[in-house]
Amino acid sequence: MDETGFWSLVDETRLAAGRDPDLHAELLVERLVLLDPEAVHDFARHFEARFSRAHRWDLWGAAWVLLNGADEEAFENFRCWLISLGRTVFEGTLLAPDALAELLPSDFDARTEGEAEEIGYAAFDAYEQLTGDELPDVGLSEPGAEPEGAAVDLADESALAAAYPRLWARFGAPGLPSARRGVAGGPASV
């Protein structure tokens, strides 16, 4: 499976699922089990490459504003969700994280959207269903413990508002962090 095939599969299943990330994951598994194990492994490699590419401080800052706080686990789930939105949104957000404000639908709800953990397991589940074995390592190096780029002070609301003016105008709110995301201070620049 090449990159175009990867994104086609993500887009087809996303459109069929609407905005339900759990249904999207289920549909993705259903489609992946129709492929051979090598293609599922390729899908996993493409997914992991993008997941690692999105391990950046500027994206964590965007997730923080969008979701009114995002601990490490929420940021991982945000990256899965970002991939699940398709190539245009994913690449556009990597190019300019603040552009996410315009890339999302007007009725986006941070209480129910912004995370898609199960999407990250779709290839693992499909491979196991196909072979009875665990998905082999995809051969990519693990991202570093710290995100790439300059650290962002996630506790500094004025810095977040300045760094992400469009996201802040649409989603920012006083009183970060949010109890919904289980954040008790979260990471900050050191």
N, C-alpha and C. Protein backbone atom coordinates (compact mmCIF):
# COMPACT_ATOMS: atom_id res chain seq x y z
N MET A 1 0.85 -1.18 0.00
CA MET A 1 0.00 0.00 0.00
C MET A 1 0.89 1.24 0.00
N ASP A 2 0.63 2.12 -0.92
CA ASP A 2 1.40 3.36 -0.97
C ASP A 2 0.66 4.45 -0.18
N GLU A 3 1.25 5.65 -0.16
CA GLU A 3 0.67 6.74 0.61
C GLU A 3 -0.72 7.12 0.11
N THR A 4 -0.90 7.12 -1.19
CA THR A 4 -2.22 7.45 -1.75
C THR A 4 -3.27 6.43 -1.31
N GLY A 5 -2.90 5.15 -1.32
CA GLY A 5 -3.82 4.12 -0.85
C GLY A 5 -4.15 4.26 0.62
N PHE A 6 -3.15 4.63 1.41
CA PHE A 6 -3.36 4.87 2.84
C PHE A 6 -4.41 5.96 3.04
N TRP A 7 -4.19 7.11 2.41
CA TRP A 7 -5.12 8.23 2.61
C TRP A 7 -6.49 7.93 2.02
N SER A 8 -6.55 7.20 0.92
CA SER A 8 -7.85 6.83 0.35
C SER A 8 -8.66 6.00 1.32
N LEU A 9 -8.00 5.05 1.96
CA LEU A 9 -8.68 4.19 2.93
C LEU A 9 -9.14 5.00 4.15
N VAL A 10 -8.30 5.90 4.62
CA VAL A 10 -8.69 6.77 5.74
C VAL A 10 -9.90 7.61 5.35
N ASP A 11 -9.86 8.21 4.17
CA ASP A 11 -10.96 9.08 3.73
C ASP A 11 -12.26 8.33 3.50
N GLU A 12 -12.19 7.18 2.84
CA GLU A 12 -13.40 6.40 2.56
C GLU A 12 -14.10 5.99 3.85
N THR A 13 -13.34 5.51 4.81
CA THR A 13 -13.95 5.06 6.06
C THR A 13 -14.41 6.24 6.91
N ARG A 14 -13.69 7.36 6.85
CA ARG A 14 -14.10 8.56 7.59
C ARG A 14 -15.44 9.06 7.07
N LEU A 15 -15.57 9.13 5.76
CA LEU A 15 -16.83 9.61 5.18
C LEU A 15 -17.99 8.70 5.54
N ALA A 16 -17.75 7.40 5.55
CA ALA A 16 -18.81 6.44 5.90
C ALA A 16 -19.19 6.53 7.38
N ALA A 17 -18.24 6.90 8.22
CA ALA A 17 -18.47 6.95 9.67
C ALA A 17 -19.03 8.27 10.15
N GLY A 18 -19.07 9.27 9.29
CA GLY A 18 -19.46 10.58 9.77
C GLY A 18 -18.37 11.09 10.70
N ARG A 19 -18.75 11.63 11.82
CA ARG A 19 -17.76 12.16 12.76
C ARG A 19 -17.64 11.29 14.00
N ASP A 20 -17.98 10.04 13.88
CA ASP A 20 -17.90 9.09 14.99
C ASP A 20 -16.56 8.36 14.92
N PRO A 21 -15.59 8.69 15.79
CA PRO A 21 -14.27 8.07 15.69
C PRO A 21 -14.28 6.58 15.99
N ASP A 22 -15.16 6.11 16.85
CA ASP A 22 -15.22 4.68 17.14
C ASP A 22 -15.74 3.90 15.94
N LEU A 23 -16.78 4.43 15.30
CA LEU A 23 -17.29 3.80 14.09
C LEU A 23 -16.24 3.86 12.98
N HIS A 24 -15.53 4.97 12.90
CA HIS A 24 -14.46 5.09 11.90
C HIS A 24 -13.44 3.97 12.10
N ALA A 25 -13.04 3.73 13.33
CA ALA A 25 -12.07 2.66 13.62
C ALA A 25 -12.63 1.30 13.23
N GLU A 26 -13.89 1.06 13.55
CA GLU A 26 -14.52 -0.23 13.19
C GLU A 26 -14.55 -0.43 11.68
N LEU A 27 -14.93 0.61 10.96
CA LEU A 27 -14.99 0.51 9.50
C LEU A 27 -13.60 0.33 8.90
N LEU A 28 -12.63 0.97 9.50
CA LEU A 28 -11.25 0.82 9.03
C LEU A 28 -10.78 -0.62 9.21
N VAL A 29 -11.08 -1.22 10.36
CA VAL A 29 -10.72 -2.63 10.58
C VAL A 29 -11.43 -3.51 9.56
N GLU A 30 -12.73 -3.26 9.34
CA GLU A 30 -13.49 -4.06 8.37
C GLU A 30 -12.87 -4.00 6.98
N ARG A 31 -12.40 -2.83 6.59
CA ARG A 31 -11.76 -2.68 5.27
C ARG A 31 -10.37 -3.32 5.25
N LEU A 32 -9.62 -3.16 6.33
CA LEU A 32 -8.26 -3.70 6.38
C LEU A 32 -8.24 -5.23 6.33
N VAL A 33 -9.22 -5.88 6.95
CA VAL A 33 -9.23 -7.35 6.95
C VAL A 33 -9.54 -7.91 5.56
N LEU A 34 -9.96 -7.07 4.64
CA LEU A 34 -10.17 -7.51 3.26
C LEU A 34 -8.86 -7.52 2.47
N LEU A 35 -7.82 -6.96 3.05
CA LEU A 35 -6.51 -6.88 2.40
C LEU A 35 -5.62 -8.02 2.88
N ASP A 36 -4.47 -8.15 2.26
CA ASP A 36 -3.53 -9.16 2.73
C ASP A 36 -2.71 -8.59 3.89
N PRO A 37 -2.09 -9.45 4.71
CA PRO A 37 -1.34 -8.98 5.87
C PRO A 37 -0.25 -7.97 5.53
N GLU A 38 0.39 -8.12 4.38
CA GLU A 38 1.44 -7.18 4.00
C GLU A 38 0.87 -5.77 3.81
N ALA A 39 -0.30 -5.67 3.21
CA ALA A 39 -0.94 -4.37 3.01
C ALA A 39 -1.35 -3.76 4.34
N VAL A 40 -1.81 -4.58 5.27
CA VAL A 40 -2.16 -4.07 6.61
C VAL A 40 -0.90 -3.56 7.30
N HIS A 41 0.19 -4.28 7.16
CA HIS A 41 1.47 -3.84 7.73
C HIS A 41 1.90 -2.51 7.11
N ASP A 42 1.72 -2.38 5.80
CA ASP A 42 2.04 -1.11 5.13
C ASP A 42 1.18 0.02 5.67
N PHE A 43 -0.12 -0.25 5.86
CA PHE A 43 -1.02 0.76 6.41
C PHE A 43 -0.50 1.20 7.78
N ALA A 44 -0.12 0.23 8.61
CA ALA A 44 0.39 0.55 9.95
C ALA A 44 1.65 1.41 9.87
N ARG A 45 2.51 1.09 8.92
CA ARG A 45 3.75 1.86 8.76
C ARG A 45 3.42 3.30 8.37
N HIS A 46 2.49 3.49 7.43
CA HIS A 46 2.09 4.85 7.04
C HIS A 46 1.47 5.59 8.22
N PHE A 47 0.62 4.90 8.98
CA PHE A 47 -0.01 5.53 10.13
C PHE A 47 1.04 5.96 11.15
N GLU A 48 1.94 5.05 11.50
CA GLU A 48 2.96 5.35 12.51
C GLU A 48 3.90 6.47 12.06
N ALA A 49 4.20 6.54 10.77
CA ALA A 49 5.05 7.61 10.26
C ALA A 49 4.38 8.97 10.47
N ARG A 50 3.09 9.03 10.22
CA ARG A 50 2.37 10.30 10.40
C ARG A 50 2.17 10.61 11.88
N PHE A 51 1.91 9.59 12.67
CA PHE A 51 1.77 9.78 14.12
C PHE A 51 3.06 10.37 14.69
N SER A 52 4.20 9.87 14.24
CA SER A 52 5.49 10.39 14.70
C SER A 52 5.73 11.80 14.18
N ARG A 53 5.37 12.06 12.92
CA ARG A 53 5.54 13.41 12.36
C ARG A 53 4.78 14.45 13.15
N ALA A 54 3.66 14.06 13.72
CA ALA A 54 2.81 14.99 14.46
C ALA A 54 3.23 15.14 15.92
N HIS A 55 4.31 14.50 16.33
CA HIS A 55 4.80 14.60 17.71
C HIS A 55 5.64 15.87 17.83
N ARG A 56 4.94 17.01 17.81
CA ARG A 56 5.60 18.31 17.80
C ARG A 56 4.96 19.22 18.85
N TRP A 57 5.80 20.08 19.42
CA TRP A 57 5.31 21.02 20.42
C TRP A 57 4.23 21.95 19.86
N ASP A 58 4.43 22.44 18.63
CA ASP A 58 3.45 23.38 18.10
C ASP A 58 2.08 22.73 17.93
N LEU A 59 2.06 21.43 17.64
CA LEU A 59 0.78 20.72 17.55
C LEU A 59 0.19 20.47 18.93
N TRP A 60 1.05 20.20 19.91
CA TRP A 60 0.54 20.03 21.27
C TRP A 60 -0.10 21.33 21.75
N GLY A 61 0.53 22.45 21.43
CA GLY A 61 -0.06 23.74 21.80
C GLY A 61 -1.42 23.94 21.14
N ALA A 62 -1.52 23.58 19.86
CA ALA A 62 -2.80 23.70 19.16
C ALA A 62 -3.85 22.78 19.79
N ALA A 63 -3.45 21.56 20.12
CA ALA A 63 -4.37 20.63 20.77
C ALA A 63 -4.82 21.18 22.12
N TRP A 64 -3.90 21.78 22.84
CA TRP A 64 -4.19 22.34 24.15
C TRP A 64 -5.28 23.41 24.06
N VAL A 65 -5.14 24.30 23.08
CA VAL A 65 -6.13 25.36 22.91
C VAL A 65 -7.46 24.77 22.42
N LEU A 66 -7.39 23.92 21.42
CA LEU A 66 -8.60 23.33 20.83
C LEU A 66 -9.41 22.55 21.86
N LEU A 67 -8.72 21.76 22.67
CA LEU A 67 -9.40 20.86 23.60
C LEU A 67 -9.50 21.41 25.01
N ASN A 68 -9.06 22.65 25.21
CA ASN A 68 -9.08 23.26 26.53
C ASN A 68 -8.26 22.42 27.51
N GLY A 69 -7.06 22.07 27.07
CA GLY A 69 -6.15 21.26 27.87
C GLY A 69 -5.96 19.90 27.24
N ALA A 70 -4.73 19.39 27.29
CA ALA A 70 -4.45 18.07 26.71
C ALA A 70 -3.21 17.50 27.38
N ASP A 71 -3.39 16.48 28.21
CA ASP A 71 -2.23 15.81 28.80
C ASP A 71 -1.58 14.93 27.72
N GLU A 72 -0.55 14.20 28.08
CA GLU A 72 0.19 13.41 27.10
C GLU A 72 -0.71 12.39 26.38
N GLU A 73 -1.55 11.71 27.13
CA GLU A 73 -2.45 10.73 26.52
C GLU A 73 -3.45 11.40 25.57
N ALA A 74 -4.00 12.52 26.00
CA ALA A 74 -4.94 13.24 25.13
C ALA A 74 -4.24 13.73 23.87
N PHE A 75 -2.96 14.13 23.99
CA PHE A 75 -2.22 14.56 22.81
C PHE A 75 -1.98 13.39 21.86
N GLU A 76 -1.71 12.22 22.38
CA GLU A 76 -1.57 11.04 21.52
C GLU A 76 -2.88 10.76 20.78
N ASN A 77 -3.98 10.82 21.50
CA ASN A 77 -5.30 10.57 20.90
C ASN A 77 -5.67 11.66 19.90
N PHE A 78 -5.23 12.89 20.18
CA PHE A 78 -5.43 14.00 19.24
C PHE A 78 -4.69 13.72 17.94
N ARG A 79 -3.48 13.20 18.02
CA ARG A 79 -2.71 12.90 16.81
C ARG A 79 -3.38 11.81 15.98
N CYS A 80 -3.94 10.81 16.65
CA CYS A 80 -4.71 9.78 15.92
C CYS A 80 -5.90 10.43 15.22
N TRP A 81 -6.60 11.29 15.94
CA TRP A 81 -7.76 11.98 15.39
C TRP A 81 -7.36 12.85 14.21
N LEU A 82 -6.25 13.55 14.33
CA LEU A 82 -5.79 14.42 13.26
C LEU A 82 -5.54 13.61 11.98
N ILE A 83 -4.93 12.45 12.12
CA ILE A 83 -4.72 11.57 10.96
C ILE A 83 -6.06 11.12 10.41
N SER A 84 -7.00 10.81 11.30
CA SER A 84 -8.31 10.30 10.86
C SER A 84 -9.10 11.33 10.05
N LEU A 85 -8.74 12.60 10.15
CA LEU A 85 -9.45 13.64 9.41
C LEU A 85 -9.05 13.71 7.95
N GLY A 86 -8.00 12.97 7.58
CA GLY A 86 -7.59 12.91 6.18
C GLY A 86 -6.38 13.78 5.88
N ARG A 87 -5.88 13.57 4.69
CA ARG A 87 -4.63 14.20 4.27
C ARG A 87 -4.68 15.72 4.28
N THR A 88 -5.75 16.31 3.76
CA THR A 88 -5.83 17.77 3.66
C THR A 88 -5.75 18.42 5.03
N VAL A 89 -6.53 17.94 5.97
CA VAL A 89 -6.52 18.52 7.32
C VAL A 89 -5.19 18.20 8.01
N PHE A 90 -4.72 16.97 7.89
CA PHE A 90 -3.47 16.58 8.55
C PHE A 90 -2.31 17.43 8.04
N GLU A 91 -2.12 17.47 6.73
CA GLU A 91 -0.99 18.23 6.17
C GLU A 91 -1.15 19.72 6.41
N GLY A 92 -2.38 20.23 6.30
CA GLY A 92 -2.61 21.64 6.55
C GLY A 92 -2.29 22.03 7.98
N THR A 93 -2.61 21.16 8.91
CA THR A 93 -2.33 21.44 10.32
C THR A 93 -0.84 21.34 10.60
N LEU A 94 -0.15 20.39 9.99
CA LEU A 94 1.30 20.32 10.17
C LEU A 94 1.99 21.55 9.60
N LEU A 95 1.48 22.05 8.49
CA LEU A 95 2.06 23.23 7.86
C LEU A 95 1.84 24.47 8.72
N ALA A 96 0.65 24.61 9.29
CA ALA A 96 0.30 25.78 10.09
C ALA A 96 -0.73 25.35 11.14
N PRO A 97 -0.28 24.95 12.34
CA PRO A 97 -1.21 24.43 13.35
C PRO A 97 -2.40 25.34 13.64
N ASP A 98 -2.20 26.65 13.59
CA ASP A 98 -3.30 27.57 13.86
C ASP A 98 -4.39 27.50 12.80
N ALA A 99 -4.05 26.99 11.61
CA ALA A 99 -5.03 26.86 10.52
C ALA A 99 -6.11 25.84 10.86
N LEU A 100 -5.87 25.01 11.86
CA LEU A 100 -6.88 24.04 12.27
C LEU A 100 -8.20 24.73 12.59
N ALA A 101 -8.14 25.98 13.03
CA ALA A 101 -9.35 26.74 13.35
C ALA A 101 -10.28 26.83 12.14
N GLU A 102 -9.71 26.93 10.94
CA GLU A 102 -10.53 27.03 9.73
C GLU A 102 -10.79 25.67 9.09
N LEU A 103 -10.01 24.67 9.45
CA LEU A 103 -10.15 23.35 8.83
C LEU A 103 -11.24 22.50 9.48
N LEU A 104 -11.70 22.90 10.65
CA LEU A 104 -12.71 22.13 11.37
C LEU A 104 -14.11 22.65 11.07
N PRO A 105 -15.11 21.79 11.16
CA PRO A 105 -16.48 22.24 10.92
C PRO A 105 -16.93 23.26 11.96
N SER A 106 -17.88 24.07 11.60
CA SER A 106 -18.33 25.14 12.50
C SER A 106 -18.97 24.59 13.77
N ASP A 107 -19.47 23.36 13.73
CA ASP A 107 -20.11 22.79 14.92
C ASP A 107 -19.19 21.83 15.67
N PHE A 108 -17.87 21.97 15.50
CA PHE A 108 -16.93 21.14 16.24
C PHE A 108 -17.19 21.28 17.73
N ASP A 109 -17.18 20.16 18.44
CA ASP A 109 -17.44 20.14 19.88
C ASP A 109 -16.28 19.44 20.58
N ALA A 110 -15.46 20.20 21.28
CA ALA A 110 -14.28 19.65 21.95
C ALA A 110 -14.64 18.64 23.03
N ARG A 111 -15.88 18.65 23.49
CA ARG A 111 -16.27 17.67 24.51
C ARG A 111 -16.43 16.28 23.94
N THR A 112 -16.73 16.19 22.64
CA THR A 112 -16.97 14.88 22.04
C THR A 112 -16.05 14.58 20.86
N GLU A 113 -15.27 15.55 20.41
CA GLU A 113 -14.38 15.35 19.27
C GLU A 113 -12.95 15.72 19.67
N GLY A 114 -12.03 15.46 18.78
CA GLY A 114 -10.64 15.84 19.02
C GLY A 114 -9.77 14.69 19.49
N GLU A 115 -10.37 13.54 19.68
CA GLU A 115 -9.62 12.35 20.09
C GLU A 115 -10.14 11.15 19.31
N ALA A 116 -9.24 10.27 18.91
CA ALA A 116 -9.64 9.06 18.18
C ALA A 116 -8.66 7.94 18.49
N GLU A 117 -8.58 7.56 19.75
CA GLU A 117 -7.62 6.55 20.18
C GLU A 117 -7.75 5.25 19.40
N GLU A 118 -8.97 4.79 19.17
CA GLU A 118 -9.17 3.49 18.53
C GLU A 118 -8.64 3.43 17.10
N ILE A 119 -8.59 4.57 16.42
CA ILE A 119 -8.02 4.61 15.07
C ILE A 119 -6.57 4.11 15.11
N GLY A 120 -5.87 4.43 16.17
CA GLY A 120 -4.48 4.02 16.30
C GLY A 120 -4.29 2.52 16.43
N TYR A 121 -5.35 1.80 16.76
CA TYR A 121 -5.27 0.34 16.93
C TYR A 121 -5.83 -0.43 15.74
N ALA A 122 -6.38 0.25 14.76
CA ALA A 122 -7.09 -0.42 13.67
C ALA A 122 -6.20 -1.44 12.94
N ALA A 123 -5.00 -1.06 12.58
CA ALA A 123 -4.13 -1.99 11.85
C ALA A 123 -3.73 -3.17 12.73
N PHE A 124 -3.51 -2.92 14.01
CA PHE A 124 -3.16 -4.00 14.94
C PHE A 124 -4.30 -5.01 15.03
N ASP A 125 -5.52 -4.49 15.17
CA ASP A 125 -6.70 -5.36 15.27
C ASP A 125 -6.91 -6.15 13.98
N ALA A 126 -6.80 -5.48 12.85
CA ALA A 126 -7.01 -6.15 11.56
C ALA A 126 -5.95 -7.23 11.32
N TYR A 127 -4.71 -6.93 11.63
CA TYR A 127 -3.64 -7.90 11.40
C TYR A 127 -3.86 -9.14 12.26
N GLU A 128 -4.25 -8.92 13.51
CA GLU A 128 -4.51 -10.05 14.40
C GLU A 128 -5.69 -10.89 13.90
N GLN A 129 -6.74 -10.23 13.41
CA GLN A 129 -7.88 -10.97 12.86
C GLN A 129 -7.47 -11.79 11.64
N LEU A 130 -6.60 -11.23 10.82
CA LEU A 130 -6.17 -11.91 9.59
C LEU A 130 -5.23 -13.08 9.86
N THR A 131 -4.33 -12.91 10.81
CA THR A 131 -3.24 -13.88 10.97
C THR A 131 -3.25 -14.64 12.29
N GLY A 132 -3.94 -14.09 13.29
CA GLY A 132 -3.88 -14.67 14.63
C GLY A 132 -2.62 -14.25 15.37
N ASP A 133 -1.79 -13.44 14.75
CA ASP A 133 -0.55 -12.97 15.36
C ASP A 133 -0.60 -11.47 15.58
N GLU A 134 0.35 -10.99 16.40
CA GLU A 134 0.49 -9.56 16.58
C GLU A 134 1.15 -8.94 15.36
N LEU A 135 0.82 -7.70 15.10
CA LEU A 135 1.43 -6.97 14.00
C LEU A 135 2.93 -6.84 14.25
N PRO A 136 3.75 -7.24 13.28
CA PRO A 136 5.19 -7.07 13.46
C PRO A 136 5.57 -5.59 13.51
N ASP A 137 6.72 -5.32 14.07
CA ASP A 137 7.24 -3.96 14.14
C ASP A 137 7.27 -3.37 12.73
N VAL A 138 6.91 -2.10 12.63
CA VAL A 138 6.84 -1.47 11.31
C VAL A 138 8.18 -0.93 10.85
N GLY A 139 9.19 -1.03 11.69
CA GLY A 139 10.54 -0.67 11.28
C GLY A 139 10.86 0.81 11.32
N LEU A 140 10.08 1.57 12.06
CA LEU A 140 10.35 3.00 12.20
C LEU A 140 10.91 3.27 13.58
N SER A 141 11.78 4.25 13.68
CA SER A 141 12.30 4.58 15.00
C SER A 141 11.22 5.30 15.80
N GLU A 142 11.24 5.06 17.09
CA GLU A 142 10.27 5.70 17.99
C GLU A 142 10.57 7.19 18.08
N PRO A 143 9.54 8.02 18.18
CA PRO A 143 9.81 9.44 18.39
C PRO A 143 10.45 9.64 19.76
N GLY A 144 11.16 10.73 19.90
CA GLY A 144 11.79 11.03 21.18
C GLY A 144 10.77 11.22 22.28
N ALA A 145 11.25 11.19 23.50
CA ALA A 145 10.36 11.39 24.64
C ALA A 145 9.72 12.78 24.60
N GLU A 146 10.47 13.74 24.15
CA GLU A 146 9.97 15.11 24.04
C GLU A 146 9.53 15.37 22.60
N PRO A 147 8.47 16.12 22.42
CA PRO A 147 8.07 16.48 21.06
C PRO A 147 9.16 17.28 20.35
N GLU A 148 9.10 17.30 19.04
CA GLU A 148 10.04 18.07 18.23
C GLU A 148 9.70 19.56 18.33
N GLY A 149 10.71 20.38 18.11
CA GLY A 149 10.51 21.82 18.06
C GLY A 149 10.70 22.49 19.40
N ALA A 150 10.46 23.79 19.39
CA ALA A 150 10.62 24.59 20.60
C ALA A 150 9.48 24.28 21.57
N ALA A 151 9.85 24.06 22.82
CA ALA A 151 8.86 23.76 23.85
C ALA A 151 7.87 24.91 24.00
N VAL A 152 6.64 24.55 24.28
CA VAL A 152 5.57 25.52 24.45
C VAL A 152 5.14 25.48 25.91
N ASP A 153 5.01 26.66 26.52
CA ASP A 153 4.52 26.72 27.89
C ASP A 153 2.99 26.63 27.84
N LEU A 154 2.49 25.44 28.09
CA LEU A 154 1.06 25.19 27.97
C LEU A 154 0.24 25.85 29.07
N ALA A 155 0.90 26.33 30.10
CA ALA A 155 0.19 26.99 31.19
C ALA A 155 0.08 28.50 30.99
N ASP A 156 0.73 29.03 29.96
CA ASP A 156 0.75 30.48 29.72
C ASP A 156 -0.32 30.84 28.67
N GLU A 157 -1.48 31.24 29.17
CA GLU A 157 -2.60 31.54 28.27
C GLU A 157 -2.29 32.66 27.29
N SER A 158 -1.58 33.69 27.73
CA SER A 158 -1.28 34.79 26.81
C SER A 158 -0.33 34.34 25.70
N ALA A 159 0.61 33.46 26.02
CA ALA A 159 1.52 32.93 25.00
C ALA A 159 0.75 32.03 24.02
N LEU A 160 -0.18 31.24 24.53
CA LEU A 160 -0.99 30.39 23.66
C LEU A 160 -1.87 31.24 22.75
N ALA A 161 -2.46 32.29 23.30
CA ALA A 161 -3.31 33.18 22.50
C ALA A 161 -2.50 33.85 21.40
N ALA A 162 -1.25 34.21 21.70
CA ALA A 162 -0.39 34.85 20.71
C ALA A 162 0.09 33.86 19.66
N ALA A 163 0.39 32.64 20.07
CA ALA A 163 0.91 31.63 19.15
C ALA A 163 -0.18 31.05 18.24
N TYR A 164 -1.40 31.01 18.74
CA TYR A 164 -2.51 30.40 18.00
C TYR A 164 -3.70 31.36 17.99
N PRO A 165 -3.56 32.52 17.35
CA PRO A 165 -4.63 33.52 17.46
C PRO A 165 -5.98 33.06 16.90
N ARG A 166 -5.99 32.32 15.80
CA ARG A 166 -7.27 31.88 15.23
C ARG A 166 -7.90 30.79 16.08
N LEU A 167 -7.09 29.83 16.54
CA LEU A 167 -7.62 28.80 17.43
C LEU A 167 -8.11 29.42 18.73
N TRP A 168 -7.33 30.37 19.27
CA TRP A 168 -7.69 31.01 20.53
C TRP A 168 -9.00 31.77 20.38
N ALA A 169 -9.16 32.48 19.26
CA ALA A 169 -10.39 33.26 19.05
C ALA A 169 -11.61 32.34 18.99
N ARG A 170 -11.42 31.16 18.44
CA ARG A 170 -12.55 30.24 18.28
C ARG A 170 -12.76 29.32 19.48
N PHE A 171 -11.67 28.85 20.10
CA PHE A 171 -11.79 27.81 21.12
C PHE A 171 -11.19 28.17 22.47
N GLY A 172 -10.34 29.19 22.52
CA GLY A 172 -9.65 29.51 23.77
C GLY A 172 -10.60 30.01 24.82
N ALA A 173 -10.30 29.67 26.04
CA ALA A 173 -11.16 30.10 27.14
C ALA A 173 -10.31 30.27 28.38
N PRO A 174 -10.63 31.24 29.19
CA PRO A 174 -9.90 31.37 30.45
C PRO A 174 -10.12 30.14 31.31
N GLY A 175 -9.17 29.89 32.16
CA GLY A 175 -9.34 28.78 33.10
C GLY A 175 -8.76 27.47 32.63
N LEU A 176 -7.86 27.49 31.66
CA LEU A 176 -7.19 26.25 31.30
C LEU A 176 -6.47 25.75 32.53
N PRO A 177 -6.32 24.50 32.74
CA PRO A 177 -6.71 23.38 31.92
C PRO A 177 -8.11 22.87 32.25
N SER A 178 -8.58 21.99 31.43
CA SER A 178 -9.92 21.44 31.57
C SER A 178 -9.89 20.15 32.38
N ALA A 179 -10.84 19.99 33.24
CA ALA A 179 -10.95 18.74 34.01
C ALA A 179 -11.30 17.58 33.09
N ARG A 180 -11.96 17.87 31.98
CA ARG A 180 -12.34 16.81 31.04
C ARG A 180 -11.13 16.05 30.54
N ARG A 181 -10.03 16.70 30.35
CA ARG A 181 -8.84 16.07 29.80
C ARG A 181 -7.91 15.52 30.88
N GLY A 182 -8.32 15.61 32.12
CA GLY A 182 -7.51 15.03 33.19
C GLY A 182 -6.18 15.71 33.38
N VAL A 183 -6.12 17.00 33.11
CA VAL A 183 -4.86 17.71 33.17
C VAL A 183 -4.76 18.45 34.49
N ALA A 184 -3.66 18.27 35.15
CA ALA A 184 -3.43 18.97 36.41
C ALA A 184 -2.17 19.81 36.28
N GLY A 185 -2.12 20.63 35.28
CA GLY A 185 -0.95 21.47 35.07
C GLY A 185 -0.27 21.16 33.75
N GLY A 186 -0.16 19.89 33.42
CA GLY A 186 0.41 19.49 32.15
C GLY A 186 1.85 19.92 31.98
N PRO A 187 2.45 19.53 30.87
CA PRO A 187 3.83 19.90 30.63
C PRO A 187 3.95 21.38 30.32
N ALA A 188 5.07 21.92 30.61
CA ALA A 188 5.36 23.31 30.30
C ALA A 188 6.80 23.38 29.84
N SER A 189 7.15 24.47 29.21
CA SER A 189 8.53 24.59 28.76
C SER A 189 9.45 24.64 29.97
N VAL A 190 10.64 24.14 29.76
CA VAL A 190 11.63 24.11 30.85
C VAL A 190 12.80 24.98 30.54
